[in-house]
Amino acid sequence: MNEQLSQDLADVGRLLYEKRLTIASGGNMSVRAGNSMLITPSGVCKGMLSGRDMIEIDISSGEIIGKGKPSIETPFHLGIYRSRPDVNAVIHCHPVSCTVLAIQKKDLRTNLTPESLMILGKDVPMIPYDTPGSDGLAEKLIATMGPSKACLMQNHGALVVGKDLMDAFFRMETLEYIATLQLKCGEVPGLPEDEIERVLAMSK
C-alpha cells in the first residue's frame, strides 16, 4: 500500500470534518494508486482516520488487497476510476447546503460567479436517487455524471472528482460554497451567456 497516499487520504478526511463538509461517519473518499485505489473504511469518522486505516482495492477486479471493510460506496468509486482515466481522486460527502438542494431536487447553478464556472464547470448533474451502496446507484452515477467534475445526488449528498486529492477537496469546498450562495440569494440572474463562455475558455 502507498503510505503517502494513505496518509494524504487521512489528512483530507480531517479537513472535510473540520470544515463541516462531513459529519459523524458520513461520506467516503478514495485515491487512485496505480492499478489500485485506496478508499476509506466503512463506519468510521473521517476526522479520526489514520493512514493505516485505508483499504486497497484492485480497480479492475474489485478484489480487496489485505484486510478491512471498505466504504459501502465502493461500487461507484470503482466505476468512476474504470470509466474516467482523467480522475485520480473521488470525494463523496453530505455538506448541508448541497444536500438541501439535492433533497429539493434543485440543480446547482454554476453561473453565479466566475470562480464556480472555473472550478466546477458549466454543468453539475443531479443523479437520480438509488439505495446507497447499490450497483444501481453506481450505474446511475456513471451514466448521468459523464465527464462532469461534480454532481449532486438526490436525497443523498454531493460528489466531486479531481486530478488529485487536494484538487477534489477544493472542488467540494467550492461546491458547498456555491450551494450556500444559491440558497441565500434566491432567484437572481446569473452571468450572461457570453461571459460564461469567456470564463470557461479561460479555465481550459
N, C-alpha and C. Protein backbone atom coordinates (compact mmCIF):
# COMPACT_ATOMS: atom_id res chain seq x y z
N MET A 1 0.84 -1.20 0.00
CA MET A 1 0.00 0.00 0.00
C MET A 1 0.88 1.26 0.00
N ASN A 2 0.47 2.25 -0.76
CA ASN A 2 1.21 3.51 -0.83
C ASN A 2 0.97 4.31 0.46
N GLU A 3 1.99 4.39 1.31
CA GLU A 3 1.83 5.02 2.63
C GLU A 3 1.56 6.52 2.53
N GLN A 4 2.19 7.18 1.56
CA GLN A 4 1.98 8.62 1.43
C GLN A 4 0.55 8.94 1.01
N LEU A 5 0.03 8.20 0.02
CA LEU A 5 -1.35 8.43 -0.41
C LEU A 5 -2.34 8.08 0.70
N SER A 6 -2.03 7.04 1.46
CA SER A 6 -2.89 6.66 2.59
C SER A 6 -2.96 7.79 3.61
N GLN A 7 -1.81 8.39 3.91
CA GLN A 7 -1.78 9.50 4.86
C GLN A 7 -2.47 10.73 4.29
N ASP A 8 -2.31 10.95 2.98
CA ASP A 8 -3.00 12.07 2.33
C ASP A 8 -4.52 11.93 2.46
N LEU A 9 -5.02 10.71 2.30
CA LEU A 9 -6.46 10.47 2.48
C LEU A 9 -6.90 10.82 3.90
N ALA A 10 -6.12 10.40 4.88
CA ALA A 10 -6.45 10.72 6.27
C ALA A 10 -6.44 12.22 6.50
N ASP A 11 -5.47 12.91 5.93
CA ASP A 11 -5.37 14.37 6.10
C ASP A 11 -6.56 15.09 5.48
N VAL A 12 -6.96 14.65 4.29
CA VAL A 12 -8.10 15.28 3.63
C VAL A 12 -9.39 14.97 4.39
N GLY A 13 -9.51 13.76 4.91
CA GLY A 13 -10.67 13.43 5.73
C GLY A 13 -10.79 14.35 6.93
N ARG A 14 -9.65 14.67 7.54
CA ARG A 14 -9.65 15.58 8.69
C ARG A 14 -10.11 16.98 8.27
N LEU A 15 -9.63 17.43 7.11
CA LEU A 15 -10.04 18.75 6.61
C LEU A 15 -11.55 18.79 6.34
N LEU A 16 -12.07 17.75 5.71
CA LEU A 16 -13.51 17.70 5.43
C LEU A 16 -14.32 17.77 6.72
N TYR A 17 -13.85 17.05 7.74
CA TYR A 17 -14.57 17.01 9.01
C TYR A 17 -14.48 18.36 9.73
N GLU A 18 -13.30 18.95 9.74
CA GLU A 18 -13.10 20.23 10.43
C GLU A 18 -13.92 21.33 9.79
N LYS A 19 -14.10 21.27 8.48
CA LYS A 19 -14.86 22.30 7.76
C LYS A 19 -16.34 21.95 7.67
N ARG A 20 -16.77 20.91 8.38
CA ARG A 20 -18.17 20.50 8.45
C ARG A 20 -18.74 20.14 7.07
N LEU A 21 -17.89 19.66 6.21
CA LEU A 21 -18.35 19.15 4.92
C LEU A 21 -18.83 17.72 5.06
N THR A 22 -18.47 17.08 6.17
CA THR A 22 -18.99 15.76 6.50
C THR A 22 -19.12 15.68 8.02
N ILE A 23 -20.03 14.84 8.49
CA ILE A 23 -20.22 14.69 9.93
C ILE A 23 -20.27 13.21 10.30
N ALA A 24 -20.00 12.93 11.56
CA ALA A 24 -20.04 11.56 12.08
C ALA A 24 -19.25 10.63 11.15
N SER A 25 -19.85 9.52 10.75
CA SER A 25 -19.14 8.58 9.88
C SER A 25 -19.55 8.73 8.42
N GLY A 26 -20.26 9.81 8.10
CA GLY A 26 -20.76 10.00 6.74
C GLY A 26 -19.67 10.26 5.72
N GLY A 27 -19.97 9.94 4.47
CA GLY A 27 -19.07 10.24 3.37
C GLY A 27 -17.99 9.19 3.17
N ASN A 28 -17.28 9.32 2.07
CA ASN A 28 -16.18 8.43 1.74
C ASN A 28 -15.27 9.08 0.72
N MET A 29 -14.01 8.65 0.69
CA MET A 29 -13.01 9.23 -0.21
C MET A 29 -12.13 8.13 -0.74
N SER A 30 -11.58 8.37 -1.91
CA SER A 30 -10.63 7.41 -2.46
C SER A 30 -9.61 8.14 -3.33
N VAL A 31 -8.51 7.43 -3.60
CA VAL A 31 -7.46 7.97 -4.46
C VAL A 31 -6.90 6.83 -5.30
N ARG A 32 -6.59 7.13 -6.55
CA ARG A 32 -6.00 6.13 -7.43
C ARG A 32 -4.54 5.93 -7.06
N ALA A 33 -4.13 4.66 -7.02
CA ALA A 33 -2.73 4.32 -6.72
C ALA A 33 -2.29 3.25 -7.72
N GLY A 34 -1.91 3.70 -8.90
CA GLY A 34 -1.55 2.76 -9.96
C GLY A 34 -2.77 2.00 -10.43
N ASN A 35 -2.72 0.67 -10.37
CA ASN A 35 -3.85 -0.16 -10.77
C ASN A 35 -4.84 -0.42 -9.63
N SER A 36 -4.57 0.19 -8.48
CA SER A 36 -5.44 0.03 -7.32
C SER A 36 -6.02 1.37 -6.91
N MET A 37 -6.99 1.31 -6.01
CA MET A 37 -7.44 2.54 -5.34
C MET A 37 -7.35 2.31 -3.84
N LEU A 38 -7.10 3.38 -3.12
CA LEU A 38 -7.15 3.38 -1.66
C LEU A 38 -8.44 4.08 -1.27
N ILE A 39 -9.22 3.47 -0.38
CA ILE A 39 -10.52 4.02 -0.01
C ILE A 39 -10.68 3.99 1.50
N THR A 40 -11.49 4.91 2.00
CA THR A 40 -11.76 4.98 3.44
C THR A 40 -12.61 3.79 3.89
N PRO A 41 -12.45 3.37 5.14
CA PRO A 41 -13.22 2.24 5.65
C PRO A 41 -14.66 2.62 5.96
N SER A 42 -15.48 1.61 6.11
CA SER A 42 -16.90 1.81 6.43
C SER A 42 -17.10 2.16 7.90
N GLY A 43 -18.01 3.10 8.16
CA GLY A 43 -18.46 3.37 9.50
C GLY A 43 -17.48 4.05 10.43
N VAL A 44 -16.54 4.81 9.87
CA VAL A 44 -15.53 5.49 10.69
C VAL A 44 -15.59 6.99 10.43
N CYS A 45 -15.51 7.80 11.49
CA CYS A 45 -15.49 9.25 11.34
C CYS A 45 -14.29 9.67 10.50
N LYS A 46 -14.53 10.47 9.47
CA LYS A 46 -13.46 10.87 8.55
C LYS A 46 -12.45 11.81 9.21
N GLY A 47 -12.82 12.40 10.33
CA GLY A 47 -11.89 13.27 11.03
C GLY A 47 -10.98 12.53 11.99
N MET A 48 -11.15 11.19 12.10
CA MET A 48 -10.39 10.42 13.07
C MET A 48 -9.62 9.27 12.43
N LEU A 49 -9.38 9.37 11.14
CA LEU A 49 -8.68 8.30 10.41
C LEU A 49 -7.17 8.48 10.46
N SER A 50 -6.46 7.37 10.35
CA SER A 50 -5.01 7.39 10.15
C SER A 50 -4.72 6.71 8.82
N GLY A 51 -3.51 6.89 8.34
CA GLY A 51 -3.14 6.29 7.07
C GLY A 51 -3.30 4.78 7.04
N ARG A 52 -3.07 4.12 8.17
CA ARG A 52 -3.15 2.65 8.18
C ARG A 52 -4.57 2.12 8.15
N ASP A 53 -5.56 3.01 8.26
CA ASP A 53 -6.95 2.57 8.21
C ASP A 53 -7.44 2.33 6.78
N MET A 54 -6.72 2.85 5.79
CA MET A 54 -7.21 2.80 4.41
C MET A 54 -7.16 1.38 3.85
N ILE A 55 -8.02 1.13 2.88
CA ILE A 55 -8.16 -0.20 2.29
C ILE A 55 -7.83 -0.13 0.81
N GLU A 56 -7.00 -1.07 0.37
CA GLU A 56 -6.58 -1.10 -1.03
C GLU A 56 -7.45 -2.09 -1.81
N ILE A 57 -7.90 -1.65 -2.99
CA ILE A 57 -8.76 -2.49 -3.83
C ILE A 57 -8.24 -2.44 -5.27
N ASP A 58 -8.13 -3.60 -5.90
CA ASP A 58 -7.75 -3.66 -7.30
C ASP A 58 -8.87 -3.06 -8.14
N ILE A 59 -8.56 -2.05 -8.97
CA ILE A 59 -9.59 -1.35 -9.73
C ILE A 59 -10.25 -2.27 -10.76
N SER A 60 -9.48 -3.07 -11.44
CA SER A 60 -10.02 -3.92 -12.49
C SER A 60 -10.94 -5.01 -11.95
N SER A 61 -10.47 -5.74 -10.95
CA SER A 61 -11.22 -6.90 -10.45
C SER A 61 -12.15 -6.57 -9.29
N GLY A 62 -11.89 -5.46 -8.58
CA GLY A 62 -12.66 -5.14 -7.39
C GLY A 62 -12.25 -5.94 -6.17
N GLU A 63 -11.14 -6.68 -6.27
CA GLU A 63 -10.68 -7.52 -5.16
C GLU A 63 -9.99 -6.69 -4.09
N ILE A 64 -10.35 -6.95 -2.83
CA ILE A 64 -9.71 -6.27 -1.71
C ILE A 64 -8.32 -6.85 -1.49
N ILE A 65 -7.33 -5.97 -1.38
CA ILE A 65 -5.96 -6.39 -1.14
C ILE A 65 -5.66 -6.14 0.33
N GLY A 66 -5.54 -7.18 1.10
CA GLY A 66 -5.33 -7.03 2.53
C GLY A 66 -6.62 -7.23 3.31
N LYS A 67 -6.75 -6.50 4.43
CA LYS A 67 -7.90 -6.68 5.32
C LYS A 67 -8.68 -5.38 5.46
N GLY A 68 -9.87 -5.51 6.02
CA GLY A 68 -10.68 -4.34 6.31
C GLY A 68 -11.98 -4.35 5.54
N LYS A 69 -12.92 -3.52 6.01
CA LYS A 69 -14.23 -3.38 5.37
C LYS A 69 -14.29 -2.02 4.69
N PRO A 70 -14.25 -1.99 3.36
CA PRO A 70 -14.24 -0.70 2.66
C PRO A 70 -15.61 -0.01 2.71
N SER A 71 -15.63 1.25 2.34
CA SER A 71 -16.86 2.01 2.29
C SER A 71 -17.95 1.28 1.51
N ILE A 72 -19.19 1.46 1.95
CA ILE A 72 -20.32 0.86 1.27
C ILE A 72 -20.44 1.37 -0.17
N GLU A 73 -19.89 2.55 -0.43
CA GLU A 73 -19.99 3.15 -1.76
C GLU A 73 -18.85 2.75 -2.70
N THR A 74 -18.14 1.70 -2.36
CA THR A 74 -17.05 1.22 -3.21
C THR A 74 -17.47 1.04 -4.67
N PRO A 75 -18.70 0.55 -4.98
CA PRO A 75 -19.06 0.34 -6.39
C PRO A 75 -18.95 1.59 -7.26
N PHE A 76 -19.38 2.76 -6.76
CA PHE A 76 -19.28 3.91 -7.66
C PHE A 76 -17.87 4.48 -7.71
N HIS A 77 -17.07 4.30 -6.69
CA HIS A 77 -15.67 4.71 -6.77
C HIS A 77 -14.97 3.89 -7.85
N LEU A 78 -15.15 2.58 -7.82
CA LEU A 78 -14.55 1.72 -8.85
C LEU A 78 -15.04 2.10 -10.24
N GLY A 79 -16.35 2.34 -10.36
CA GLY A 79 -16.91 2.70 -11.65
C GLY A 79 -16.32 3.97 -12.22
N ILE A 80 -16.09 4.96 -11.36
CA ILE A 80 -15.50 6.22 -11.83
C ILE A 80 -14.08 5.99 -12.32
N TYR A 81 -13.26 5.27 -11.56
CA TYR A 81 -11.88 5.05 -11.99
C TYR A 81 -11.81 4.22 -13.27
N ARG A 82 -12.72 3.28 -13.43
CA ARG A 82 -12.73 2.45 -14.63
C ARG A 82 -13.13 3.24 -15.87
N SER A 83 -14.03 4.20 -15.70
CA SER A 83 -14.56 4.94 -16.85
C SER A 83 -13.92 6.30 -17.07
N ARG A 84 -13.16 6.79 -16.08
CA ARG A 84 -12.59 8.14 -16.17
C ARG A 84 -11.08 8.10 -15.90
N PRO A 85 -10.26 7.87 -16.93
CA PRO A 85 -8.82 7.86 -16.71
C PRO A 85 -8.26 9.22 -16.27
N ASP A 86 -9.05 10.29 -16.45
CA ASP A 86 -8.63 11.62 -16.03
C ASP A 86 -8.78 11.83 -14.53
N VAL A 87 -9.47 10.93 -13.84
CA VAL A 87 -9.77 11.10 -12.42
C VAL A 87 -8.79 10.30 -11.57
N ASN A 88 -8.21 10.96 -10.57
CA ASN A 88 -7.30 10.29 -9.63
C ASN A 88 -7.76 10.39 -8.19
N ALA A 89 -8.88 11.07 -7.94
CA ALA A 89 -9.41 11.18 -6.58
C ALA A 89 -10.91 11.41 -6.64
N VAL A 90 -11.61 10.81 -5.67
CA VAL A 90 -13.07 10.95 -5.58
C VAL A 90 -13.43 11.26 -4.13
N ILE A 91 -14.28 12.27 -3.94
CA ILE A 91 -14.77 12.61 -2.61
C ILE A 91 -16.29 12.68 -2.65
N HIS A 92 -16.93 11.94 -1.75
CA HIS A 92 -18.39 11.99 -1.60
C HIS A 92 -18.70 12.30 -0.14
N CYS A 93 -19.51 13.32 0.08
CA CYS A 93 -19.95 13.61 1.45
C CYS A 93 -21.30 14.30 1.42
N HIS A 94 -21.75 14.75 2.59
CA HIS A 94 -23.11 15.26 2.74
C HIS A 94 -23.12 16.68 3.30
N PRO A 95 -22.47 17.62 2.63
CA PRO A 95 -22.47 19.00 3.12
C PRO A 95 -23.90 19.57 3.11
N VAL A 96 -24.21 20.41 4.09
CA VAL A 96 -25.60 20.80 4.34
C VAL A 96 -26.25 21.48 3.14
N SER A 97 -25.63 22.52 2.59
CA SER A 97 -26.28 23.27 1.51
C SER A 97 -26.45 22.42 0.26
N CYS A 98 -25.44 21.65 -0.09
CA CYS A 98 -25.56 20.75 -1.25
C CYS A 98 -26.69 19.75 -1.03
N THR A 99 -26.79 19.23 0.18
CA THR A 99 -27.80 18.22 0.46
C THR A 99 -29.19 18.82 0.47
N VAL A 100 -29.32 20.07 0.92
CA VAL A 100 -30.61 20.76 0.83
C VAL A 100 -31.07 20.84 -0.62
N LEU A 101 -30.18 21.26 -1.51
CA LEU A 101 -30.53 21.32 -2.94
C LEU A 101 -30.89 19.94 -3.47
N ALA A 102 -30.13 18.92 -3.03
CA ALA A 102 -30.37 17.57 -3.52
C ALA A 102 -31.73 17.05 -3.04
N ILE A 103 -32.12 17.40 -1.83
CA ILE A 103 -33.44 16.99 -1.32
C ILE A 103 -34.55 17.75 -2.04
N GLN A 104 -34.30 19.02 -2.32
CA GLN A 104 -35.28 19.83 -3.04
C GLN A 104 -35.29 19.53 -4.54
N LYS A 105 -34.33 18.72 -4.99
CA LYS A 105 -34.17 18.40 -6.41
C LYS A 105 -33.99 19.66 -7.26
N LYS A 106 -33.19 20.58 -6.73
CA LYS A 106 -32.86 21.82 -7.43
C LYS A 106 -31.43 21.73 -7.95
N ASP A 107 -31.25 22.01 -9.22
CA ASP A 107 -29.91 21.98 -9.82
C ASP A 107 -29.04 23.09 -9.24
N LEU A 108 -27.77 22.78 -9.03
CA LEU A 108 -26.82 23.80 -8.59
C LEU A 108 -26.46 24.70 -9.76
N ARG A 109 -26.47 26.01 -9.52
CA ARG A 109 -26.21 26.99 -10.57
C ARG A 109 -24.74 27.43 -10.52
N THR A 110 -23.98 27.03 -11.50
CA THR A 110 -22.58 27.44 -11.53
C THR A 110 -22.40 28.80 -12.22
N ASN A 111 -23.48 29.39 -12.70
CA ASN A 111 -23.38 30.67 -13.42
C ASN A 111 -23.46 31.88 -12.50
N LEU A 112 -23.38 31.66 -11.18
CA LEU A 112 -23.49 32.78 -10.25
C LEU A 112 -22.19 33.55 -10.10
N THR A 113 -21.04 32.86 -10.18
CA THR A 113 -19.74 33.52 -10.06
C THR A 113 -18.76 32.94 -11.07
N PRO A 114 -17.76 33.71 -11.47
CA PRO A 114 -16.74 33.16 -12.37
C PRO A 114 -15.98 31.98 -11.76
N GLU A 115 -15.71 32.08 -10.45
CA GLU A 115 -14.93 31.03 -9.79
C GLU A 115 -15.65 29.68 -9.85
N SER A 116 -16.97 29.71 -9.69
CA SER A 116 -17.70 28.45 -9.73
C SER A 116 -17.62 27.80 -11.10
N LEU A 117 -17.65 28.60 -12.15
CA LEU A 117 -17.51 28.07 -13.50
C LEU A 117 -16.13 27.48 -13.73
N MET A 118 -15.11 28.17 -13.23
CA MET A 118 -13.73 27.69 -13.43
C MET A 118 -13.47 26.38 -12.70
N ILE A 119 -14.02 26.24 -11.51
CA ILE A 119 -13.69 25.08 -10.68
C ILE A 119 -14.67 23.92 -10.88
N LEU A 120 -15.94 24.25 -11.13
CA LEU A 120 -16.96 23.21 -11.24
C LEU A 120 -17.37 22.90 -12.67
N GLY A 121 -17.07 23.84 -13.61
CA GLY A 121 -17.54 23.67 -14.97
C GLY A 121 -18.96 24.20 -15.12
N LYS A 122 -19.52 24.05 -16.30
CA LYS A 122 -20.83 24.63 -16.59
C LYS A 122 -21.97 23.82 -15.99
N ASP A 123 -21.82 22.51 -15.94
CA ASP A 123 -22.92 21.65 -15.52
C ASP A 123 -22.55 20.80 -14.30
N VAL A 124 -23.43 20.78 -13.32
CA VAL A 124 -23.33 19.89 -12.17
C VAL A 124 -24.60 19.03 -12.19
N PRO A 125 -24.52 17.82 -12.73
CA PRO A 125 -25.73 17.00 -12.88
C PRO A 125 -26.34 16.58 -11.55
N MET A 126 -27.64 16.26 -11.60
CA MET A 126 -28.35 15.70 -10.46
C MET A 126 -28.51 14.20 -10.72
N ILE A 127 -27.97 13.37 -9.84
CA ILE A 127 -28.03 11.92 -10.00
C ILE A 127 -29.35 11.41 -9.41
N PRO A 128 -30.15 10.67 -10.18
CA PRO A 128 -31.40 10.14 -9.63
C PRO A 128 -31.14 9.25 -8.42
N TYR A 129 -32.06 9.26 -7.48
CA TYR A 129 -31.88 8.51 -6.25
C TYR A 129 -31.84 7.00 -6.48
N ASP A 130 -30.97 6.34 -5.74
CA ASP A 130 -30.98 4.89 -5.61
C ASP A 130 -30.37 4.56 -4.25
N THR A 131 -30.55 3.34 -3.81
CA THR A 131 -30.10 2.94 -2.48
C THR A 131 -28.59 3.10 -2.34
N PRO A 132 -28.12 3.73 -1.26
CA PRO A 132 -26.67 3.86 -1.05
C PRO A 132 -25.96 2.52 -1.10
N GLY A 133 -24.82 2.48 -1.78
CA GLY A 133 -24.03 1.27 -1.87
C GLY A 133 -24.47 0.30 -2.93
N SER A 134 -25.58 0.58 -3.61
CA SER A 134 -26.12 -0.36 -4.59
C SER A 134 -25.43 -0.22 -5.95
N ASP A 135 -25.47 -1.31 -6.72
CA ASP A 135 -24.97 -1.24 -8.09
C ASP A 135 -25.82 -0.28 -8.91
N GLY A 136 -27.11 -0.20 -8.58
CA GLY A 136 -27.98 0.72 -9.29
C GLY A 136 -27.54 2.16 -9.15
N LEU A 137 -27.15 2.56 -7.95
CA LEU A 137 -26.66 3.92 -7.73
C LEU A 137 -25.37 4.14 -8.53
N ALA A 138 -24.47 3.16 -8.49
CA ALA A 138 -23.22 3.30 -9.23
C ALA A 138 -23.49 3.47 -10.72
N GLU A 139 -24.41 2.69 -11.27
CA GLU A 139 -24.72 2.77 -12.70
C GLU A 139 -25.35 4.12 -13.06
N LYS A 140 -26.27 4.61 -12.22
CA LYS A 140 -26.88 5.91 -12.48
C LYS A 140 -25.86 7.03 -12.40
N LEU A 141 -24.96 6.94 -11.42
CA LEU A 141 -23.96 7.99 -11.24
C LEU A 141 -23.02 8.06 -12.44
N ILE A 142 -22.52 6.92 -12.88
CA ILE A 142 -21.58 6.91 -14.01
C ILE A 142 -22.26 7.42 -15.27
N ALA A 143 -23.50 6.95 -15.52
CA ALA A 143 -24.22 7.33 -16.74
C ALA A 143 -24.59 8.81 -16.75
N THR A 144 -25.02 9.34 -15.60
CA THR A 144 -25.52 10.72 -15.55
C THR A 144 -24.40 11.74 -15.39
N MET A 145 -23.37 11.39 -14.63
CA MET A 145 -22.29 12.34 -14.39
C MET A 145 -21.45 12.57 -15.64
N GLY A 146 -21.21 11.51 -16.42
CA GLY A 146 -20.40 11.66 -17.63
C GLY A 146 -19.05 12.28 -17.32
N PRO A 147 -18.64 13.31 -18.08
CA PRO A 147 -17.32 13.92 -17.87
C PRO A 147 -17.32 15.07 -16.86
N SER A 148 -18.43 15.29 -16.17
CA SER A 148 -18.52 16.43 -15.24
C SER A 148 -17.55 16.28 -14.07
N LYS A 149 -17.26 17.41 -13.43
CA LYS A 149 -16.32 17.44 -12.31
C LYS A 149 -17.01 17.27 -10.96
N ALA A 150 -18.33 17.43 -10.93
CA ALA A 150 -19.08 17.35 -9.68
C ALA A 150 -20.51 16.99 -9.98
N CYS A 151 -21.21 16.51 -8.96
CA CYS A 151 -22.64 16.22 -9.11
C CYS A 151 -23.31 16.28 -7.75
N LEU A 152 -24.62 16.45 -7.77
CA LEU A 152 -25.45 16.28 -6.58
C LEU A 152 -26.18 14.95 -6.71
N MET A 153 -26.50 14.34 -5.58
CA MET A 153 -27.16 13.05 -5.56
C MET A 153 -28.48 13.20 -4.83
N GLN A 154 -29.59 12.97 -5.52
CA GLN A 154 -30.91 13.21 -4.96
C GLN A 154 -31.08 12.58 -3.59
N ASN A 155 -31.56 13.41 -2.63
CA ASN A 155 -31.83 12.95 -1.26
C ASN A 155 -30.63 12.27 -0.62
N HIS A 156 -29.42 12.68 -1.01
CA HIS A 156 -28.24 11.97 -0.53
C HIS A 156 -27.09 12.91 -0.20
N GLY A 157 -26.54 13.61 -1.18
CA GLY A 157 -25.37 14.45 -0.90
C GLY A 157 -24.71 14.94 -2.17
N ALA A 158 -23.39 14.96 -2.15
CA ALA A 158 -22.62 15.52 -3.26
C ALA A 158 -21.39 14.67 -3.53
N LEU A 159 -20.88 14.78 -4.75
CA LEU A 159 -19.66 14.05 -5.13
C LEU A 159 -18.84 14.92 -6.07
N VAL A 160 -17.52 14.87 -5.89
CA VAL A 160 -16.60 15.58 -6.78
C VAL A 160 -15.46 14.64 -7.16
N VAL A 161 -14.83 14.95 -8.28
CA VAL A 161 -13.63 14.22 -8.70
C VAL A 161 -12.51 15.23 -8.91
N GLY A 162 -11.26 14.74 -8.96
CA GLY A 162 -10.14 15.63 -9.16
C GLY A 162 -8.93 14.93 -9.73
N LYS A 163 -7.97 15.73 -10.16
CA LYS A 163 -6.72 15.17 -10.67
C LYS A 163 -5.87 14.62 -9.53
N ASP A 164 -6.14 15.11 -8.31
CA ASP A 164 -5.52 14.58 -7.09
C ASP A 164 -6.43 14.92 -5.92
N LEU A 165 -6.05 14.52 -4.73
CA LEU A 165 -6.93 14.69 -3.57
C LEU A 165 -7.21 16.16 -3.24
N MET A 166 -6.20 17.01 -3.30
CA MET A 166 -6.43 18.41 -2.96
C MET A 166 -7.29 19.10 -4.01
N ASP A 167 -7.11 18.72 -5.26
CA ASP A 167 -7.96 19.26 -6.32
C ASP A 167 -9.42 18.90 -6.03
N ALA A 168 -9.68 17.65 -5.64
CA ALA A 168 -11.04 17.23 -5.31
C ALA A 168 -11.54 17.94 -4.05
N PHE A 169 -10.68 18.08 -3.05
CA PHE A 169 -11.10 18.75 -1.82
C PHE A 169 -11.52 20.20 -2.08
N PHE A 170 -10.71 20.95 -2.83
CA PHE A 170 -11.05 22.34 -3.13
C PHE A 170 -12.35 22.41 -3.95
N ARG A 171 -12.57 21.42 -4.80
CA ARG A 171 -13.80 21.40 -5.58
C ARG A 171 -15.02 21.17 -4.68
N MET A 172 -14.90 20.27 -3.71
CA MET A 172 -16.01 20.05 -2.78
C MET A 172 -16.28 21.29 -1.94
N GLU A 173 -15.23 21.95 -1.50
CA GLU A 173 -15.39 23.17 -0.71
C GLU A 173 -16.10 24.25 -1.54
N THR A 174 -15.70 24.37 -2.81
CA THR A 174 -16.32 25.34 -3.70
C THR A 174 -17.78 24.98 -3.99
N LEU A 175 -18.05 23.70 -4.19
CA LEU A 175 -19.41 23.24 -4.45
C LEU A 175 -20.35 23.64 -3.31
N GLU A 176 -19.91 23.41 -2.08
CA GLU A 176 -20.74 23.76 -0.93
C GLU A 176 -20.89 25.27 -0.79
N TYR A 177 -19.84 26.02 -1.09
CA TYR A 177 -19.91 27.49 -1.03
C TYR A 177 -20.94 28.02 -2.01
N ILE A 178 -20.90 27.52 -3.24
CA ILE A 178 -21.84 27.99 -4.26
C ILE A 178 -23.26 27.57 -3.92
N ALA A 179 -23.43 26.36 -3.39
CA ALA A 179 -24.77 25.92 -2.98
C ALA A 179 -25.32 26.85 -1.89
N THR A 180 -24.45 27.26 -0.96
CA THR A 180 -24.87 28.18 0.10
C THR A 180 -25.25 29.54 -0.47
N LEU A 181 -24.45 30.06 -1.40
CA LEU A 181 -24.78 31.33 -2.05
C LEU A 181 -26.13 31.24 -2.75
N GLN A 182 -26.35 30.15 -3.45
CA GLN A 182 -27.60 29.98 -4.19
C GLN A 182 -28.80 29.99 -3.25
N LEU A 183 -28.69 29.29 -2.13
CA LEU A 183 -29.80 29.25 -1.18
C LEU A 183 -30.04 30.61 -0.54
N LYS A 184 -28.97 31.37 -0.30
CA LYS A 184 -29.11 32.68 0.33
C LYS A 184 -29.62 33.74 -0.64
N CYS A 185 -29.22 33.63 -1.92
CA CYS A 185 -29.56 34.67 -2.90
C CYS A 185 -30.95 34.49 -3.50
N GLY A 186 -31.45 33.26 -3.51
CA GLY A 186 -32.75 33.03 -4.12
C GLY A 186 -32.69 33.14 -5.64
N GLU A 187 -33.79 33.53 -6.23
CA GLU A 187 -33.87 33.59 -7.70
C GLU A 187 -33.26 34.90 -8.20
N VAL A 188 -32.01 34.86 -8.56
CA VAL A 188 -31.32 36.04 -9.10
C VAL A 188 -30.73 35.68 -10.45
N PRO A 189 -30.51 36.69 -11.32
CA PRO A 189 -29.90 36.41 -12.62
C PRO A 189 -28.46 35.92 -12.45
N GLY A 190 -28.04 35.06 -13.34
CA GLY A 190 -26.65 34.63 -13.36
C GLY A 190 -25.85 35.45 -14.35
N LEU A 191 -24.60 35.06 -14.54
CA LEU A 191 -23.77 35.74 -15.53
C LEU A 191 -24.35 35.56 -16.92
N PRO A 192 -24.20 36.56 -17.79
CA PRO A 192 -24.70 36.42 -19.17
C PRO A 192 -23.95 35.32 -19.92
N GLU A 193 -24.59 34.76 -20.94
CA GLU A 193 -24.05 33.61 -21.64
C GLU A 193 -22.69 33.89 -22.26
N ASP A 194 -22.49 35.10 -22.82
CA ASP A 194 -21.20 35.39 -23.44
C ASP A 194 -20.07 35.42 -22.41
N GLU A 195 -20.38 35.88 -21.18
CA GLU A 195 -19.37 35.89 -20.13
C GLU A 195 -19.09 34.47 -19.63
N ILE A 196 -20.13 33.65 -19.58
CA ILE A 196 -19.96 32.25 -19.20
C ILE A 196 -18.98 31.56 -20.15
N GLU A 197 -19.19 31.75 -21.42
CA GLU A 197 -18.31 31.12 -22.42
C GLU A 197 -16.89 31.67 -22.32
N ARG A 198 -16.76 32.97 -22.03
CA ARG A 198 -15.44 33.59 -21.89
C ARG A 198 -14.69 32.99 -20.70
N VAL A 199 -15.38 32.85 -19.58
CA VAL A 199 -14.77 32.29 -18.38
C VAL A 199 -14.39 30.83 -18.59
N LEU A 200 -15.27 30.07 -19.21
CA LEU A 200 -14.97 28.65 -19.47
C LEU A 200 -13.76 28.51 -20.38
N ALA A 201 -13.63 29.40 -21.36
CA ALA A 201 -12.46 29.36 -22.24
C ALA A 201 -11.17 29.66 -21.47
N MET A 202 -11.27 30.57 -20.51
CA MET A 202 -10.10 30.92 -19.68
C MET A 202 -9.64 29.74 -18.85
N SER A 203 -10.59 28.90 -18.41
CA SER A 203 -10.26 27.83 -17.48
C SER A 203 -9.71 26.59 -18.17
N LYS A 204 -9.73 26.55 -19.48
CA LYS A 204 -9.22 25.38 -20.19
C LYS A 204 -7.70 25.38 -20.24
